[in-house]
Amino acid sequence: MAESTSPEDEVKRLHDDLQAWIGRGDVSRWPTFESALADDFVQIGPDGIARDRATVLDLVAGLKSIAGPTFVIEIKEARARTLGGGYALVSYREVQRGGSRDTDRWSSALLSRSSTGAWRWHHLHECWAG
């Protein structure tokens, strides 16, 4: 798979992996999803709970095929701010449809470029859209 060229592209790519995993159980997408999360990755979900990388991977692994083939994740209004040192902060709106319930959330993600050019996710903070 070609590396993403922009932080916004990376956000879309990772969510494409999630959509394929959660919707169709596409196992070919798991390695790229897993490798995108840095060792120090932390997610603060819309429920306010902070989760480390291992916890997030366990949680997402359990979502395989759970939403069915009509599941869609749409990324809207993605905007990156370059922070220097290979880091970028990306804010975006994530809309999920077709699972057990539709959801809409705002997210901010801290990404960095690895030496290979791949984006790595360090921090993700999500909140429900009002």
N, C-alpha and C. Protein backbone atom coordinates (compact mmCIF):
# COMPACT_ATOMS: atom_id res chain seq x y z
N MET A 1 0.84 -1.18 0.00
CA MET A 1 0.00 0.00 0.00
C MET A 1 0.88 1.25 0.00
N ALA A 2 0.56 2.20 -0.84
CA ALA A 2 1.33 3.45 -0.89
C ALA A 2 1.08 4.26 0.37
N GLU A 3 2.12 4.94 0.82
CA GLU A 3 1.98 5.76 2.01
C GLU A 3 1.13 6.99 1.71
N SER A 4 0.40 7.45 2.70
CA SER A 4 -0.41 8.65 2.57
C SER A 4 0.51 9.83 2.35
N THR A 5 0.05 10.80 1.59
CA THR A 5 0.87 11.96 1.32
C THR A 5 0.57 13.12 2.26
N SER A 6 -0.59 13.14 2.85
CA SER A 6 -0.95 14.23 3.75
C SER A 6 -1.56 13.64 5.02
N PRO A 7 -1.56 14.42 6.10
CA PRO A 7 -2.21 13.93 7.31
C PRO A 7 -3.71 13.68 7.11
N GLU A 8 -4.35 14.52 6.30
CA GLU A 8 -5.77 14.32 6.01
C GLU A 8 -6.00 13.00 5.28
N ASP A 9 -5.09 12.68 4.32
CA ASP A 9 -5.18 11.39 3.62
C ASP A 9 -5.04 10.23 4.60
N GLU A 10 -4.15 10.38 5.57
CA GLU A 10 -3.94 9.32 6.56
C GLU A 10 -5.19 9.08 7.41
N VAL A 11 -5.86 10.16 7.80
CA VAL A 11 -7.09 10.01 8.57
C VAL A 11 -8.11 9.21 7.76
N LYS A 12 -8.25 9.55 6.49
CA LYS A 12 -9.20 8.83 5.63
C LYS A 12 -8.77 7.38 5.44
N ARG A 13 -7.47 7.14 5.23
CA ARG A 13 -6.97 5.78 5.03
C ARG A 13 -7.23 4.90 6.24
N LEU A 14 -6.91 5.40 7.42
CA LEU A 14 -7.12 4.61 8.63
C LEU A 14 -8.60 4.29 8.83
N HIS A 15 -9.47 5.24 8.56
CA HIS A 15 -10.90 4.99 8.71
C HIS A 15 -11.44 4.06 7.61
N ASP A 16 -10.82 4.07 6.44
CA ASP A 16 -11.17 3.07 5.43
C ASP A 16 -10.84 1.66 5.95
N ASP A 17 -9.68 1.53 6.61
CA ASP A 17 -9.32 0.25 7.23
C ASP A 17 -10.36 -0.15 8.27
N LEU A 18 -10.73 0.79 9.13
CA LEU A 18 -11.73 0.49 10.16
C LEU A 18 -13.07 0.11 9.55
N GLN A 19 -13.49 0.83 8.54
CA GLN A 19 -14.76 0.52 7.87
C GLN A 19 -14.74 -0.90 7.32
N ALA A 20 -13.65 -1.27 6.65
CA ALA A 20 -13.54 -2.62 6.07
C ALA A 20 -13.50 -3.68 7.16
N TRP A 21 -12.85 -3.41 8.27
CA TRP A 21 -12.73 -4.37 9.38
C TRP A 21 -14.08 -4.53 10.10
N ILE A 22 -14.67 -3.41 10.50
CA ILE A 22 -15.90 -3.43 11.28
C ILE A 22 -17.10 -3.87 10.42
N GLY A 23 -17.09 -3.46 9.17
CA GLY A 23 -18.21 -3.78 8.29
C GLY A 23 -18.14 -5.17 7.68
N ARG A 24 -17.03 -5.48 7.03
CA ARG A 24 -16.92 -6.75 6.28
C ARG A 24 -15.98 -7.75 6.90
N GLY A 25 -15.26 -7.35 7.94
CA GLY A 25 -14.29 -8.26 8.54
C GLY A 25 -13.10 -8.53 7.64
N ASP A 26 -12.70 -7.52 6.87
CA ASP A 26 -11.60 -7.65 5.91
C ASP A 26 -10.26 -7.74 6.66
N VAL A 27 -9.75 -8.96 6.81
CA VAL A 27 -8.53 -9.18 7.59
C VAL A 27 -7.29 -8.58 6.93
N SER A 28 -7.36 -8.29 5.65
CA SER A 28 -6.20 -7.69 4.97
C SER A 28 -5.95 -6.27 5.48
N ARG A 29 -6.95 -5.65 6.11
CA ARG A 29 -6.81 -4.28 6.59
C ARG A 29 -6.21 -4.20 7.99
N TRP A 30 -6.22 -5.30 8.74
CA TRP A 30 -5.76 -5.25 10.14
C TRP A 30 -4.29 -4.84 10.27
N PRO A 31 -3.36 -5.40 9.50
CA PRO A 31 -1.95 -5.03 9.70
C PRO A 31 -1.66 -3.54 9.53
N THR A 32 -2.30 -2.89 8.55
CA THR A 32 -2.02 -1.46 8.36
C THR A 32 -2.66 -0.63 9.47
N PHE A 33 -3.82 -1.06 9.95
CA PHE A 33 -4.43 -0.36 11.08
C PHE A 33 -3.54 -0.50 12.32
N GLU A 34 -3.15 -1.72 12.63
CA GLU A 34 -2.34 -1.99 13.82
C GLU A 34 -1.01 -1.25 13.79
N SER A 35 -0.35 -1.25 12.65
CA SER A 35 0.97 -0.62 12.55
C SER A 35 0.90 0.90 12.58
N ALA A 36 -0.27 1.47 12.30
CA ALA A 36 -0.41 2.93 12.32
C ALA A 36 -0.42 3.50 13.73
N LEU A 37 -0.76 2.67 14.72
CA LEU A 37 -0.83 3.17 16.10
C LEU A 37 0.55 3.07 16.74
N ALA A 38 1.09 4.21 17.13
CA ALA A 38 2.41 4.26 17.77
C ALA A 38 2.36 3.54 19.12
N ASP A 39 3.52 3.13 19.60
CA ASP A 39 3.59 2.44 20.89
C ASP A 39 3.01 3.27 22.02
N ASP A 40 3.12 4.60 21.92
CA ASP A 40 2.61 5.48 22.98
C ASP A 40 1.19 5.97 22.69
N PHE A 41 0.51 5.35 21.76
CA PHE A 41 -0.84 5.79 21.37
C PHE A 41 -1.81 5.78 22.55
N VAL A 42 -2.61 6.86 22.62
CA VAL A 42 -3.68 6.98 23.60
C VAL A 42 -4.91 7.52 22.88
N GLN A 43 -6.04 6.90 23.15
CA GLN A 43 -7.32 7.37 22.64
C GLN A 43 -8.18 7.79 23.82
N ILE A 44 -8.73 9.00 23.74
CA ILE A 44 -9.74 9.43 24.69
C ILE A 44 -11.04 9.44 23.91
N GLY A 45 -11.91 8.48 24.23
CA GLY A 45 -13.16 8.32 23.49
C GLY A 45 -14.20 9.33 23.90
N PRO A 46 -15.30 9.38 23.16
CA PRO A 46 -16.38 10.30 23.50
C PRO A 46 -17.00 10.02 24.86
N ASP A 47 -16.72 8.83 25.40
CA ASP A 47 -17.19 8.49 26.74
C ASP A 47 -16.28 9.05 27.84
N GLY A 48 -15.16 9.70 27.43
CA GLY A 48 -14.25 10.31 28.38
C GLY A 48 -13.21 9.35 28.95
N ILE A 49 -13.19 8.11 28.48
CA ILE A 49 -12.24 7.11 28.98
C ILE A 49 -10.97 7.13 28.13
N ALA A 50 -9.81 7.19 28.79
CA ALA A 50 -8.51 7.11 28.10
C ALA A 50 -8.11 5.65 27.97
N ARG A 51 -7.71 5.26 26.75
CA ARG A 51 -7.32 3.89 26.46
C ARG A 51 -5.94 3.87 25.80
N ASP A 52 -5.09 2.96 26.24
CA ASP A 52 -3.78 2.82 25.62
C ASP A 52 -3.88 1.97 24.35
N ARG A 53 -2.77 1.84 23.66
CA ARG A 53 -2.72 1.13 22.38
C ARG A 53 -3.25 -0.29 22.50
N ALA A 54 -2.78 -1.03 23.48
CA ALA A 54 -3.19 -2.44 23.63
C ALA A 54 -4.70 -2.55 23.84
N THR A 55 -5.25 -1.67 24.65
CA THR A 55 -6.69 -1.69 24.92
C THR A 55 -7.49 -1.37 23.66
N VAL A 56 -7.04 -0.37 22.90
CA VAL A 56 -7.73 0.00 21.66
C VAL A 56 -7.66 -1.16 20.66
N LEU A 57 -6.50 -1.77 20.53
CA LEU A 57 -6.39 -2.89 19.59
C LEU A 57 -7.30 -4.05 20.00
N ASP A 58 -7.38 -4.35 21.28
CA ASP A 58 -8.29 -5.40 21.75
C ASP A 58 -9.74 -5.04 21.46
N LEU A 59 -10.09 -3.79 21.72
CA LEU A 59 -11.46 -3.34 21.49
C LEU A 59 -11.83 -3.44 20.01
N VAL A 60 -10.96 -2.93 19.15
CA VAL A 60 -11.25 -2.93 17.71
C VAL A 60 -11.23 -4.37 17.16
N ALA A 61 -10.34 -5.20 17.66
CA ALA A 61 -10.31 -6.60 17.20
C ALA A 61 -11.67 -7.26 17.44
N GLY A 62 -12.32 -6.92 18.54
CA GLY A 62 -13.62 -7.48 18.86
C GLY A 62 -14.76 -6.94 18.02
N LEU A 63 -14.51 -5.93 17.22
CA LEU A 63 -15.54 -5.34 16.37
C LEU A 63 -15.57 -5.94 14.95
N LYS A 64 -14.74 -6.92 14.70
CA LYS A 64 -14.65 -7.51 13.36
C LYS A 64 -16.04 -7.96 12.87
N SER A 65 -16.45 -7.42 11.74
CA SER A 65 -17.71 -7.76 11.04
C SER A 65 -18.97 -7.41 11.81
N ILE A 66 -18.87 -6.72 12.91
CA ILE A 66 -20.02 -6.49 13.79
C ILE A 66 -21.11 -5.63 13.15
N ALA A 67 -20.73 -4.70 12.27
CA ALA A 67 -21.71 -3.74 11.74
C ALA A 67 -22.33 -4.17 10.41
N GLY A 68 -21.75 -5.13 9.73
CA GLY A 68 -22.30 -5.59 8.46
C GLY A 68 -21.80 -4.79 7.26
N PRO A 69 -22.04 -5.32 6.07
CA PRO A 69 -21.46 -4.75 4.85
C PRO A 69 -21.97 -3.38 4.45
N THR A 70 -23.07 -2.91 5.03
CA THR A 70 -23.56 -1.57 4.69
C THR A 70 -22.95 -0.48 5.56
N PHE A 71 -22.08 -0.86 6.49
CA PHE A 71 -21.45 0.09 7.40
C PHE A 71 -20.55 1.05 6.64
N VAL A 72 -20.67 2.35 6.96
CA VAL A 72 -19.89 3.40 6.30
C VAL A 72 -19.33 4.35 7.35
N ILE A 73 -18.07 4.70 7.19
CA ILE A 73 -17.46 5.79 7.97
C ILE A 73 -17.11 6.90 6.99
N GLU A 74 -17.65 8.07 7.24
CA GLU A 74 -17.37 9.22 6.39
C GLU A 74 -16.57 10.24 7.18
N ILE A 75 -15.46 10.69 6.60
CA ILE A 75 -14.63 11.73 7.21
C ILE A 75 -14.94 13.05 6.52
N LYS A 76 -15.27 14.04 7.34
CA LYS A 76 -15.62 15.36 6.81
C LYS A 76 -14.75 16.42 7.47
N GLU A 77 -14.57 17.52 6.77
CA GLU A 77 -13.93 18.72 7.32
C GLU A 77 -12.56 18.45 7.95
N ALA A 78 -11.79 17.56 7.36
CA ALA A 78 -10.45 17.26 7.87
C ALA A 78 -9.53 18.45 7.59
N ARG A 79 -8.86 18.90 8.65
CA ARG A 79 -7.93 20.02 8.54
C ARG A 79 -6.69 19.71 9.37
N ALA A 80 -5.54 19.83 8.73
CA ALA A 80 -4.28 19.55 9.43
C ALA A 80 -3.55 20.84 9.73
N ARG A 81 -2.87 20.82 10.86
CA ARG A 81 -1.97 21.91 11.25
C ARG A 81 -0.59 21.28 11.42
N THR A 82 0.37 21.75 10.64
CA THR A 82 1.73 21.25 10.75
C THR A 82 2.37 21.85 11.99
N LEU A 83 2.96 20.97 12.82
CA LEU A 83 3.52 21.42 14.08
C LEU A 83 5.04 21.45 14.08
N GLY A 84 5.67 20.98 13.03
CA GLY A 84 7.12 20.90 12.97
C GLY A 84 7.61 19.57 13.52
N GLY A 85 8.83 19.23 13.19
CA GLY A 85 9.41 17.98 13.65
C GLY A 85 8.72 16.74 13.11
N GLY A 86 7.99 16.89 12.00
CA GLY A 86 7.29 15.76 11.41
C GLY A 86 5.92 15.49 12.02
N TYR A 87 5.45 16.37 12.91
CA TYR A 87 4.16 16.18 13.58
C TYR A 87 3.07 17.02 12.91
N ALA A 88 1.85 16.52 13.00
CA ALA A 88 0.68 17.26 12.52
C ALA A 88 -0.49 16.97 13.45
N LEU A 89 -1.31 17.98 13.64
CA LEU A 89 -2.55 17.84 14.40
C LEU A 89 -3.69 17.95 13.40
N VAL A 90 -4.53 16.91 13.36
CA VAL A 90 -5.63 16.88 12.40
C VAL A 90 -6.95 16.88 13.16
N SER A 91 -7.81 17.81 12.82
CA SER A 91 -9.17 17.79 13.35
C SER A 91 -10.10 17.37 12.22
N TYR A 92 -11.14 16.60 12.58
CA TYR A 92 -12.06 16.10 11.56
C TYR A 92 -13.36 15.66 12.21
N ARG A 93 -14.37 15.55 11.37
CA ARG A 93 -15.67 15.04 11.81
C ARG A 93 -15.81 13.63 11.24
N GLU A 94 -16.23 12.71 12.09
CA GLU A 94 -16.39 11.30 11.71
C GLU A 94 -17.86 10.91 11.87
N VAL A 95 -18.48 10.54 10.76
CA VAL A 95 -19.87 10.11 10.76
C VAL A 95 -19.90 8.62 10.44
N GLN A 96 -20.54 7.84 11.31
CA GLN A 96 -20.69 6.40 11.08
C GLN A 96 -22.16 6.10 10.86
N ARG A 97 -22.43 5.32 9.79
CA ARG A 97 -23.80 4.93 9.46
C ARG A 97 -23.85 3.45 9.12
N GLY A 98 -24.98 2.84 9.44
CA GLY A 98 -25.21 1.46 9.01
C GLY A 98 -24.91 0.40 10.04
N GLY A 99 -24.40 0.78 11.18
CA GLY A 99 -24.19 -0.18 12.26
C GLY A 99 -25.43 -0.26 13.13
N SER A 100 -25.24 -0.54 14.40
CA SER A 100 -26.38 -0.63 15.31
C SER A 100 -27.01 0.74 15.55
N ARG A 101 -26.21 1.81 15.40
CA ARG A 101 -26.74 3.17 15.51
C ARG A 101 -25.81 4.11 14.75
N ASP A 102 -26.37 5.19 14.23
CA ASP A 102 -25.57 6.19 13.55
C ASP A 102 -24.91 7.08 14.60
N THR A 103 -23.66 7.47 14.34
CA THR A 103 -22.95 8.35 15.27
C THR A 103 -22.27 9.47 14.51
N ASP A 104 -22.00 10.54 15.22
CA ASP A 104 -21.35 11.72 14.65
C ASP A 104 -20.46 12.29 15.75
N ARG A 105 -19.18 12.42 15.44
CA ARG A 105 -18.24 12.92 16.46
C ARG A 105 -17.19 13.82 15.83
N TRP A 106 -16.65 14.70 16.65
CA TRP A 106 -15.49 15.51 16.30
C TRP A 106 -14.27 14.84 16.90
N SER A 107 -13.17 14.85 16.17
CA SER A 107 -11.94 14.23 16.65
C SER A 107 -10.75 15.11 16.34
N SER A 108 -9.73 14.98 17.18
CA SER A 108 -8.42 15.59 16.93
C SER A 108 -7.38 14.50 17.12
N ALA A 109 -6.47 14.39 16.16
CA ALA A 109 -5.45 13.35 16.19
C ALA A 109 -4.07 13.96 16.02
N LEU A 110 -3.13 13.51 16.85
CA LEU A 110 -1.74 13.90 16.74
C LEU A 110 -1.00 12.79 15.99
N LEU A 111 -0.44 13.14 14.83
CA LEU A 111 0.26 12.19 13.97
C LEU A 111 1.71 12.62 13.79
N SER A 112 2.57 11.64 13.51
CA SER A 112 3.95 11.96 13.14
C SER A 112 4.36 11.10 11.96
N ARG A 113 5.34 11.58 11.21
CA ARG A 113 5.90 10.81 10.10
C ARG A 113 7.03 9.94 10.62
N SER A 114 6.99 8.66 10.27
CA SER A 114 8.10 7.77 10.64
C SER A 114 9.24 7.95 9.63
N SER A 115 10.35 7.31 9.89
CA SER A 115 11.50 7.40 8.98
C SER A 115 11.19 6.79 7.61
N THR A 116 10.18 5.92 7.54
CA THR A 116 9.78 5.32 6.26
C THR A 116 8.77 6.16 5.51
N GLY A 117 8.30 7.24 6.15
CA GLY A 117 7.30 8.10 5.52
C GLY A 117 5.88 7.79 5.93
N ALA A 118 5.68 6.70 6.65
CA ALA A 118 4.34 6.33 7.11
C ALA A 118 3.91 7.25 8.25
N TRP A 119 2.62 7.51 8.33
CA TRP A 119 2.09 8.28 9.45
C TRP A 119 1.86 7.37 10.63
N ARG A 120 2.16 7.86 11.83
CA ARG A 120 1.92 7.12 13.08
C ARG A 120 0.99 7.95 13.95
N TRP A 121 0.02 7.30 14.54
CA TRP A 121 -0.96 7.94 15.41
C TRP A 121 -0.47 7.88 16.85
N HIS A 122 -0.39 9.03 17.52
CA HIS A 122 0.06 9.10 18.91
C HIS A 122 -1.08 9.39 19.88
N HIS A 123 -2.00 10.22 19.45
CA HIS A 123 -3.06 10.65 20.37
C HIS A 123 -4.32 10.90 19.56
N LEU A 124 -5.45 10.45 20.08
CA LEU A 124 -6.75 10.68 19.45
C LEU A 124 -7.73 11.07 20.55
N HIS A 125 -8.38 12.21 20.35
CA HIS A 125 -9.38 12.69 21.31
C HIS A 125 -10.68 12.89 20.55
N GLU A 126 -11.74 12.22 21.01
CA GLU A 126 -13.03 12.27 20.32
C GLU A 126 -14.11 12.82 21.26
N CYS A 127 -15.08 13.52 20.68
CA CYS A 127 -16.26 13.95 21.45
C CYS A 127 -17.47 13.89 20.51
N TRP A 128 -18.62 13.66 21.10
CA TRP A 128 -19.85 13.61 20.31
C TRP A 128 -20.13 14.97 19.70
N ALA A 129 -20.57 14.99 18.45
CA ALA A 129 -20.96 16.23 17.81
C ALA A 129 -22.33 16.65 18.37
N GLY A 130 -22.49 17.93 18.58
CA GLY A 130 -23.70 18.45 19.20
C GLY A 130 -24.86 18.59 18.26
